[in-house]
N, C-alpha and C. Protein backbone atom coordinates (compact mmCIF):
# COMPACT_ATOMS: atom_id res chain seq x y z
N MET A 1 3.95 -5.83 12.62
CA MET A 1 5.21 -5.22 12.97
C MET A 1 5.54 -4.07 12.02
N ALA A 2 5.25 -4.22 10.74
CA ALA A 2 5.51 -3.15 9.78
C ALA A 2 4.63 -1.94 10.07
N ALA A 3 3.41 -2.20 10.53
CA ALA A 3 2.51 -1.10 10.87
C ALA A 3 3.07 -0.28 12.02
N ASP A 4 3.67 -0.94 13.01
CA ASP A 4 4.27 -0.23 14.13
C ASP A 4 5.42 0.65 13.67
N ALA A 5 6.23 0.15 12.76
CA ALA A 5 7.34 0.93 12.22
C ALA A 5 6.82 2.12 11.44
N GLU A 6 5.73 1.93 10.73
CA GLU A 6 5.14 3.02 9.95
C GLU A 6 4.57 4.09 10.88
N VAL A 7 3.90 3.67 11.95
CA VAL A 7 3.36 4.63 12.92
C VAL A 7 4.50 5.39 13.59
N GLN A 8 5.54 4.67 13.95
CA GLN A 8 6.69 5.32 14.58
C GLN A 8 7.32 6.35 13.64
N ARG A 9 7.48 5.99 12.39
CA ARG A 9 8.07 6.91 11.41
C ARG A 9 7.19 8.14 11.24
N ALA A 10 5.89 7.93 11.11
CA ALA A 10 4.97 9.05 10.94
C ALA A 10 4.94 9.95 12.18
N ALA A 11 4.94 9.35 13.36
CA ALA A 11 4.95 10.14 14.60
C ALA A 11 6.24 10.93 14.72
N LEU A 12 7.37 10.31 14.40
CA LEU A 12 8.65 11.03 14.44
C LEU A 12 8.67 12.19 13.46
N ASN A 13 8.12 11.99 12.27
CA ASN A 13 8.05 13.08 11.30
C ASN A 13 7.23 14.24 11.85
N ARG A 14 6.11 13.94 12.47
CA ARG A 14 5.28 15.00 13.05
C ARG A 14 6.01 15.73 14.18
N LEU A 15 6.71 14.96 15.01
CA LEU A 15 7.45 15.58 16.11
C LEU A 15 8.58 16.47 15.60
N LYS A 16 9.25 16.02 14.57
CA LYS A 16 10.33 16.84 14.00
C LYS A 16 9.77 18.11 13.37
N ARG A 17 8.63 17.99 12.71
CA ARG A 17 7.97 19.16 12.13
C ARG A 17 7.57 20.13 13.25
N ALA A 18 7.04 19.59 14.34
CA ALA A 18 6.65 20.43 15.47
C ALA A 18 7.86 21.13 16.08
N ARG A 19 8.98 20.43 16.14
CA ARG A 19 10.20 21.03 16.67
C ARG A 19 10.61 22.23 15.81
N GLY A 20 10.54 22.07 14.51
CA GLY A 20 10.87 23.16 13.60
C GLY A 20 9.91 24.33 13.76
N GLN A 21 8.63 24.01 13.91
CA GLN A 21 7.64 25.06 14.11
C GLN A 21 7.86 25.78 15.44
N LEU A 22 8.21 25.02 16.48
CA LEU A 22 8.47 25.63 17.78
C LEU A 22 9.69 26.54 17.72
N ASP A 23 10.73 26.11 17.01
CA ASP A 23 11.89 26.97 16.83
C ASP A 23 11.49 28.29 16.16
N ALA A 24 10.59 28.19 15.18
CA ALA A 24 10.11 29.40 14.49
C ALA A 24 9.33 30.30 15.45
N VAL A 25 8.51 29.70 16.31
CA VAL A 25 7.75 30.49 17.28
C VAL A 25 8.71 31.20 18.25
N ILE A 26 9.71 30.50 18.70
CA ILE A 26 10.68 31.10 19.62
C ILE A 26 11.37 32.29 18.96
N ARG A 27 11.77 32.12 17.70
CA ARG A 27 12.40 33.24 16.98
C ARG A 27 11.43 34.41 16.85
N MET A 28 10.18 34.10 16.55
CA MET A 28 9.18 35.15 16.38
C MET A 28 9.01 35.96 17.67
N VAL A 29 8.96 35.26 18.80
CA VAL A 29 8.81 35.93 20.09
C VAL A 29 10.06 36.76 20.39
N GLU A 30 11.23 36.16 20.17
CA GLU A 30 12.48 36.88 20.41
C GLU A 30 12.60 38.14 19.57
N GLU A 31 12.09 38.08 18.34
CA GLU A 31 12.17 39.22 17.42
C GLU A 31 11.03 40.21 17.63
N GLY A 32 10.09 39.88 18.52
CA GLY A 32 8.97 40.78 18.77
C GLY A 32 7.99 40.87 17.62
N ARG A 33 7.85 39.77 16.89
CA ARG A 33 6.95 39.75 15.74
C ARG A 33 5.50 39.91 16.18
N GLU A 34 4.64 40.18 15.22
CA GLU A 34 3.22 40.42 15.49
C GLU A 34 2.57 39.19 16.13
N CYS A 35 1.53 39.47 16.87
CA CYS A 35 0.85 38.44 17.65
C CYS A 35 0.18 37.38 16.78
N GLU A 36 -0.59 37.81 15.79
CA GLU A 36 -1.40 36.86 15.02
C GLU A 36 -0.58 35.76 14.35
N PRO A 37 0.47 36.08 13.59
CA PRO A 37 1.24 34.99 12.98
C PRO A 37 1.96 34.12 14.02
N THR A 38 2.35 34.73 15.13
CA THR A 38 3.02 33.95 16.18
C THR A 38 2.05 32.95 16.79
N VAL A 39 0.85 33.39 17.08
CA VAL A 39 -0.15 32.50 17.67
C VAL A 39 -0.56 31.42 16.66
N THR A 40 -0.64 31.78 15.39
CA THR A 40 -0.97 30.81 14.35
C THR A 40 0.07 29.70 14.31
N GLN A 41 1.35 30.08 14.37
CA GLN A 41 2.43 29.08 14.39
C GLN A 41 2.36 28.24 15.66
N LEU A 42 2.08 28.87 16.78
CA LEU A 42 1.98 28.14 18.04
C LEU A 42 0.84 27.12 17.99
N ALA A 43 -0.26 27.49 17.39
CA ALA A 43 -1.38 26.56 17.23
C ALA A 43 -0.98 25.37 16.36
N ALA A 44 -0.18 25.63 15.33
CA ALA A 44 0.29 24.54 14.47
C ALA A 44 1.19 23.58 15.24
N VAL A 45 2.03 24.12 16.11
CA VAL A 45 2.89 23.28 16.95
C VAL A 45 2.02 22.40 17.84
N SER A 46 1.05 23.00 18.48
CA SER A 46 0.18 22.27 19.39
C SER A 46 -0.56 21.14 18.66
N LYS A 47 -1.07 21.44 17.49
CA LYS A 47 -1.80 20.44 16.70
C LYS A 47 -0.87 19.29 16.28
N ALA A 48 0.34 19.61 15.87
CA ALA A 48 1.29 18.57 15.46
C ALA A 48 1.64 17.67 16.64
N LEU A 49 1.83 18.25 17.82
CA LEU A 49 2.13 17.44 19.00
C LEU A 49 0.95 16.56 19.38
N ASP A 50 -0.25 17.13 19.33
CA ASP A 50 -1.44 16.34 19.64
C ASP A 50 -1.58 15.16 18.69
N ARG A 51 -1.42 15.41 17.41
CA ARG A 51 -1.58 14.34 16.43
C ARG A 51 -0.52 13.25 16.62
N ALA A 52 0.70 13.64 16.92
CA ALA A 52 1.74 12.64 17.17
C ALA A 52 1.38 11.80 18.39
N GLY A 53 0.92 12.45 19.43
CA GLY A 53 0.51 11.71 20.63
C GLY A 53 -0.63 10.76 20.37
N PHE A 54 -1.63 11.23 19.62
CA PHE A 54 -2.77 10.37 19.31
C PHE A 54 -2.35 9.18 18.44
N MET A 55 -1.42 9.41 17.53
CA MET A 55 -0.94 8.31 16.68
C MET A 55 -0.26 7.25 17.53
N ILE A 56 0.57 7.67 18.46
CA ILE A 56 1.30 6.74 19.31
C ILE A 56 0.34 5.96 20.20
N ILE A 57 -0.61 6.65 20.79
CA ILE A 57 -1.57 5.97 21.67
C ILE A 57 -2.47 5.05 20.88
N SER A 58 -2.88 5.46 19.70
CA SER A 58 -3.72 4.61 18.86
C SER A 58 -3.02 3.30 18.54
N ALA A 59 -1.73 3.39 18.22
CA ALA A 59 -0.97 2.17 17.93
C ALA A 59 -0.88 1.29 19.17
N SER A 60 -0.73 1.91 20.33
CA SER A 60 -0.66 1.14 21.58
C SER A 60 -1.97 0.44 21.87
N VAL A 61 -3.09 1.11 21.61
CA VAL A 61 -4.39 0.50 21.83
C VAL A 61 -4.58 -0.70 20.89
N ARG A 62 -4.22 -0.53 19.63
CA ARG A 62 -4.34 -1.65 18.68
C ARG A 62 -3.49 -2.83 19.14
N GLU A 63 -2.28 -2.55 19.58
CA GLU A 63 -1.39 -3.63 20.04
C GLU A 63 -1.97 -4.30 21.28
N CYS A 64 -2.47 -3.50 22.19
CA CYS A 64 -3.06 -4.03 23.42
C CYS A 64 -4.24 -4.94 23.10
N LEU A 65 -5.10 -4.51 22.19
CA LEU A 65 -6.28 -5.29 21.85
C LEU A 65 -5.92 -6.60 21.15
N SER A 66 -4.84 -6.60 20.41
CA SER A 66 -4.50 -7.80 19.66
C SER A 66 -3.64 -8.79 20.45
N SER A 67 -3.02 -8.33 21.55
CA SER A 67 -2.06 -9.22 22.20
C SER A 67 -2.41 -9.65 23.62
N ALA A 68 -3.23 -8.91 24.32
CA ALA A 68 -3.48 -9.22 25.73
C ALA A 68 -4.64 -10.19 25.90
N ASP A 69 -4.57 -10.96 27.01
CA ASP A 69 -5.73 -11.78 27.35
C ASP A 69 -6.81 -10.85 27.91
N GLU A 70 -7.98 -11.37 28.11
CA GLU A 70 -9.12 -10.52 28.50
C GLU A 70 -8.86 -9.77 29.80
N GLU A 71 -8.32 -10.43 30.81
CA GLU A 71 -8.09 -9.77 32.10
C GLU A 71 -7.01 -8.69 31.98
N GLY A 72 -5.91 -9.01 31.36
CA GLY A 72 -4.82 -8.06 31.18
C GLY A 72 -5.20 -6.92 30.26
N ARG A 73 -6.04 -7.22 29.28
CA ARG A 73 -6.47 -6.21 28.31
C ARG A 73 -7.22 -5.08 29.01
N GLU A 74 -8.09 -5.42 29.94
CA GLU A 74 -8.88 -4.40 30.63
C GLU A 74 -7.97 -3.45 31.41
N ALA A 75 -7.00 -3.97 32.13
CA ALA A 75 -6.07 -3.12 32.89
C ALA A 75 -5.25 -2.26 31.94
N ASP A 76 -4.78 -2.83 30.84
CA ASP A 76 -4.01 -2.07 29.86
C ASP A 76 -4.85 -0.97 29.24
N LEU A 77 -6.09 -1.29 28.91
CA LEU A 77 -6.97 -0.28 28.30
C LEU A 77 -7.25 0.87 29.26
N GLU A 78 -7.42 0.56 30.54
CA GLU A 78 -7.64 1.62 31.52
C GLU A 78 -6.41 2.52 31.61
N ARG A 79 -5.23 1.92 31.63
CA ARG A 79 -3.99 2.69 31.67
C ARG A 79 -3.84 3.55 30.42
N LEU A 80 -4.12 2.98 29.25
CA LEU A 80 -4.03 3.72 28.00
C LEU A 80 -5.06 4.85 27.93
N GLU A 81 -6.24 4.61 28.50
CA GLU A 81 -7.26 5.64 28.52
C GLU A 81 -6.78 6.85 29.32
N LYS A 82 -6.13 6.61 30.46
CA LYS A 82 -5.59 7.71 31.26
C LYS A 82 -4.54 8.50 30.47
N VAL A 83 -3.67 7.78 29.78
CA VAL A 83 -2.65 8.45 28.97
C VAL A 83 -3.32 9.24 27.85
N PHE A 84 -4.28 8.64 27.19
CA PHE A 84 -4.99 9.31 26.11
C PHE A 84 -5.65 10.60 26.61
N LEU A 85 -6.32 10.52 27.73
CA LEU A 85 -7.02 11.69 28.27
C LEU A 85 -6.04 12.77 28.73
N SER A 86 -4.83 12.39 29.04
CA SER A 86 -3.84 13.40 29.43
C SER A 86 -3.50 14.33 28.26
N LEU A 87 -3.77 13.90 27.03
CA LEU A 87 -3.54 14.75 25.85
C LEU A 87 -4.66 15.75 25.64
N ALA A 88 -5.80 15.51 26.26
CA ALA A 88 -6.96 16.40 26.05
C ALA A 88 -6.82 17.71 26.79
């Protein structure tokens, strides 16, 4: 249970950081700033969102593996795989 809280805290921190970075990208576009630093910031936002998503899904997979019976586990894993692949 403590691990889940830690994953949630870490994912929220990443999402908040991404929100701040996205706000910076929006300002850069509005101000007509140069392309290279704007794209660099946008890439950082994308990476932060991806990592937060992977953290959340990873925690879900661990929970699924530890709590489901064999039959239910397979269905849950297939569902989680679809969600995971949606981040790719």
